[in-house]
Amino acid sequence: MTLSPTTLEGAHVRLVPLTMEHAPALLPVALHEELWRWTVSQIRSAADLDRYIATALREQQVGTALPFATVNRETGMPIGSTRFGNYDEENRRVEIGWTWIAPEFQRTAMNTEAKLLMLRHAFEEMQCIRVELKTDALNEKSRSAIERLGAVQEGIFRKHMVTSSGRLRDTVYYSILAEEWPGVRLRLEARLVRH
């Protein structure tokens, strides 16, 4: 299945295809410096955000990515972004990442539901057999969030990336397999009910 722009609807969030038109509304969120503490790229200006979105859209054009704006259903306002990336149709795998969300919505139903929507789409619509997630080894908050999803840590790629500051980043890789998805789905749905 090729990646094509689609909207994923939940009770709390809508994941809509990311466009350059989202940039002005996303900029106040993107300028939260803490969002970029552990990322390879940094967004410190409107021009940085424009480049970030343009890169995501180029990857979408070649069929390896599907970027979304994360929209608060209640207000209709974008509160962050996330992406399917590194899509490998032949091997039926995709990565979920490039996720950033306004601090006030972190560890809320919105973030949980966004992951549920993406995982459901990956396993049930795209028929993936593997979904990958990765993060900086130093990013304990992100690692905990990925582990709460039910993803399995597979290993650490040492000196995997050079960050914009020049720091050599070790990257932790995780995955969820198709046969694990039903259990992961039940846990995420139960967590949404608790929210």
Protein backbone atom coordinates (compact mmCIF):
# COMPACT_ATOMS: atom_id res chain seq x y z
CA MET A 1 0.00 0.00 0.00
CA THR A 2 1.42 3.37 -0.96
CA LEU A 3 1.32 6.21 1.53
CA SER A 4 -1.27 8.79 0.59
CA PRO A 5 -2.55 11.78 2.55
CA THR A 6 -5.40 10.81 4.84
CA THR A 7 -7.12 12.21 7.93
CA LEU A 8 -7.25 10.08 11.08
CA GLU A 9 -10.19 10.99 13.32
CA GLY A 10 -10.49 10.46 17.05
CA ALA A 11 -12.70 11.81 19.81
CA HIS A 12 -9.97 14.18 21.07
CA VAL A 13 -7.68 14.77 18.09
CA ARG A 14 -7.69 14.80 14.34
CA LEU A 15 -4.48 14.00 12.48
CA VAL A 16 -4.70 15.93 9.23
CA PRO A 17 -2.20 15.98 6.35
CA LEU A 18 0.47 18.53 7.19
CA THR A 19 0.77 21.48 4.80
CA MET A 20 2.73 24.72 4.73
CA GLU A 21 -0.53 26.47 5.67
CA HIS A 22 -0.24 24.93 9.16
CA ALA A 23 3.03 26.77 9.86
CA PRO A 24 1.62 30.01 11.35
CA ALA A 25 -0.63 28.15 13.82
CA LEU A 26 2.11 25.64 14.70
CA LEU A 27 4.84 28.23 15.24
CA PRO A 28 3.92 29.17 18.85
CA VAL A 29 4.02 25.46 19.74
CA ALA A 30 7.22 24.80 17.81
CA LEU A 31 9.02 27.62 19.61
CA HIS A 32 8.86 25.73 22.94
CA GLU A 33 12.59 25.12 23.29
CA GLU A 34 12.18 22.01 25.45
CA LEU A 35 10.48 20.16 22.55
CA TRP A 36 13.80 20.10 20.68
CA ARG A 37 16.16 19.28 23.55
CA TRP A 38 16.78 15.71 22.36
CA THR A 39 16.06 16.00 18.64
CA VAL A 40 18.52 16.05 15.78
CA SER A 41 17.04 19.21 14.25
CA GLN A 42 16.03 22.38 16.07
CA ILE A 43 13.22 24.85 15.44
CA ARG A 44 14.01 28.31 16.69
CA SER A 45 12.30 30.48 14.06
CA ALA A 46 9.54 30.58 11.46
CA ALA A 47 12.16 29.82 8.80
CA ASP A 48 13.26 26.69 10.70
CA LEU A 49 9.66 25.49 10.89
CA ASP A 50 9.14 26.16 7.17
CA ARG A 51 12.24 24.07 6.37
CA TYR A 52 11.05 21.30 8.70
CA ILE A 53 7.65 21.12 7.01
CA ALA A 54 9.17 21.37 3.52
CA THR A 55 11.45 18.41 4.30
CA ALA A 56 8.49 16.36 5.52
CA LEU A 57 6.53 17.20 2.37
CA ARG A 58 9.48 16.22 0.12
CA GLU A 59 9.64 12.85 1.88
CA GLN A 60 5.89 12.51 1.37
CA GLN A 61 6.33 13.18 -2.37
CA VAL A 62 8.81 10.32 -2.71
CA GLY A 63 6.50 7.99 -0.81
CA THR A 64 8.50 7.42 2.36
CA ALA A 65 6.62 9.69 4.77
CA LEU A 66 3.17 10.88 5.72
CA PRO A 67 3.32 13.94 8.00
CA PHE A 68 0.36 15.13 10.05
CA ALA A 69 -0.68 18.21 11.97
CA THR A 70 -2.16 17.16 15.31
CA VAL A 71 -5.36 19.16 15.78
CA ASN A 72 -7.32 19.61 19.01
CA ARG A 73 -10.88 18.52 18.12
CA GLU A 74 -12.42 20.86 20.70
CA THR A 75 -10.73 24.05 19.48
CA GLY A 76 -9.79 23.15 15.90
CA MET A 77 -6.27 24.42 16.60
CA PRO A 78 -3.07 22.58 15.66
CA ILE A 79 -1.19 21.54 18.81
CA GLY A 80 1.74 19.68 17.27
CA SER A 81 2.87 17.35 14.54
CA THR A 82 3.70 13.69 14.01
CA ARG A 83 4.68 11.52 11.09
CA PHE A 84 4.87 8.13 9.48
CA GLY A 85 8.39 7.89 8.08
CA ASN A 86 10.94 5.51 6.61
CA TYR A 87 8.07 3.60 5.00
CA ASP A 88 9.15 0.32 3.40
CA GLU A 89 6.21 -1.06 1.42
CA GLU A 90 8.00 -4.23 0.34
CA ASN A 91 8.85 -5.23 3.90
CA ARG A 92 5.60 -3.83 5.33
CA ARG A 93 7.16 -1.64 7.98
CA VAL A 94 6.92 2.01 8.94
CA GLU A 95 8.28 4.28 11.64
CA ILE A 96 6.17 6.54 13.84
CA GLY A 97 8.07 9.58 14.99
CA TRP A 98 8.96 13.23 14.47
CA THR A 99 6.33 13.79 17.16
CA TRP A 100 6.05 17.04 19.05
CA ILE A 101 3.07 18.38 20.92
CA ALA A 102 2.44 21.45 23.05
CA PRO A 103 3.64 20.81 26.61
CA GLU A 104 0.16 21.20 28.07
CA PHE A 105 -1.08 18.27 25.96
CA GLN A 106 1.76 15.88 26.72
CA ARG A 107 0.68 12.78 28.68
CA THR A 108 -2.98 13.54 27.94
CA ALA A 109 -5.74 11.73 26.07
CA MET A 110 -4.77 13.68 22.94
CA ASN A 111 -1.28 12.27 22.74
CA THR A 112 -2.46 8.76 23.62
CA GLU A 113 -5.21 8.90 21.02
CA ALA A 114 -2.85 10.18 18.32
CA LYS A 115 -0.62 7.12 18.82
CA LEU A 116 -3.66 4.82 18.85
CA LEU A 117 -4.91 6.31 15.56
CA MET A 118 -1.51 5.94 13.91
CA LEU A 119 -0.91 2.40 15.12
CA ARG A 120 -4.40 1.37 14.05
CA HIS A 121 -3.82 2.84 10.59
CA ALA A 122 -0.41 1.18 10.29
CA PHE A 123 -1.55 -2.29 11.29
CA GLU A 124 -5.16 -2.35 10.08
CA GLU A 125 -5.11 -0.19 6.93
CA MET A 126 -1.49 -0.32 5.75
CA GLN A 127 -1.19 -3.97 6.81
CA CYS A 128 2.24 -3.39 8.36
CA ILE A 129 3.87 -6.28 10.15
CA ARG A 130 6.22 -3.97 12.07
CA VAL A 131 6.06 -0.42 13.41
CA GLU A 132 9.30 1.17 14.57
CA LEU A 133 9.90 4.00 17.04
CA LYS A 134 13.20 5.53 18.07
CA THR A 135 14.49 8.21 20.39
CA ASP A 136 17.64 9.70 21.85
CA ALA A 137 19.06 7.37 24.51
CA LEU A 138 19.23 10.35 26.90
CA ASN A 139 15.54 11.21 26.45
CA GLU A 140 14.05 9.40 29.44
CA LYS A 141 10.63 11.05 28.99
CA SER A 142 10.31 9.81 25.40
CA ARG A 143 11.64 6.37 26.27
CA SER A 144 9.05 6.03 29.05
CA ALA A 145 6.26 7.15 26.70
CA ILE A 146 7.29 4.62 24.03
CA GLU A 147 7.53 1.84 26.61
CA ARG A 148 4.06 2.76 27.97
CA LEU A 149 2.74 2.08 24.45
CA GLY A 150 3.93 -1.51 24.80
CA ALA A 151 6.80 -1.21 22.34
CA VAL A 152 9.76 -3.55 22.81
CA GLN A 153 13.25 -2.10 23.07
CA GLU A 154 15.50 -3.75 20.50
CA GLY A 155 18.81 -2.07 21.06
CA ILE A 156 20.88 1.08 21.06
CA PHE A 157 22.63 2.36 17.93
CA ARG A 158 25.77 3.99 19.31
CA LYS A 159 26.85 7.34 17.82
CA HIS A 160 23.94 6.96 15.42
CA MET A 161 23.34 10.63 14.58
CA VAL A 162 25.03 13.99 14.76
CA THR A 163 22.70 16.57 16.30
CA SER A 164 22.56 20.20 15.16
CA SER A 165 24.74 21.08 18.17
CA GLY A 166 27.37 18.56 17.05
CA ARG A 167 26.63 16.10 19.88
CA LEU A 168 26.86 12.45 18.86
CA ARG A 169 23.52 10.86 19.65
CA ASP A 170 22.97 7.25 20.69
CA THR A 171 19.53 6.15 19.45
CA VAL A 172 17.26 3.60 21.14
CA TYR A 173 15.16 1.51 18.74
CA TYR A 174 11.78 0.03 19.63
CA SER A 175 9.16 -1.92 17.71
CA ILE A 176 5.62 -3.22 17.87
CA LEU A 177 4.79 -6.28 15.76
CA ALA A 178 1.46 -7.11 14.14
CA GLU A 179 0.86 -10.00 16.54
CA GLU A 180 1.45 -7.63 19.50
CA TRP A 181 -0.96 -5.00 18.17
CA PRO A 182 -4.20 -6.43 19.68
CA GLY A 183 -2.76 -6.25 23.19
CA VAL A 184 -1.25 -2.82 22.61
CA ARG A 185 -4.58 -1.60 21.25
CA LEU A 186 -6.48 -2.82 24.33
CA ARG A 187 -4.01 -1.08 26.67
CA LEU A 188 -4.23 2.21 24.76
CA GLU A 189 -8.03 2.06 24.62
CA ALA A 190 -8.16 1.39 28.38
CA ARG A 191 -5.81 4.32 29.00
CA LEU A 192 -8.07 6.59 26.94
CA VAL A 193 -11.05 5.59 29.05
CA ARG A 194 -9.08 6.48 32.21
CA HIS A 195 -8.24 9.92 30.77
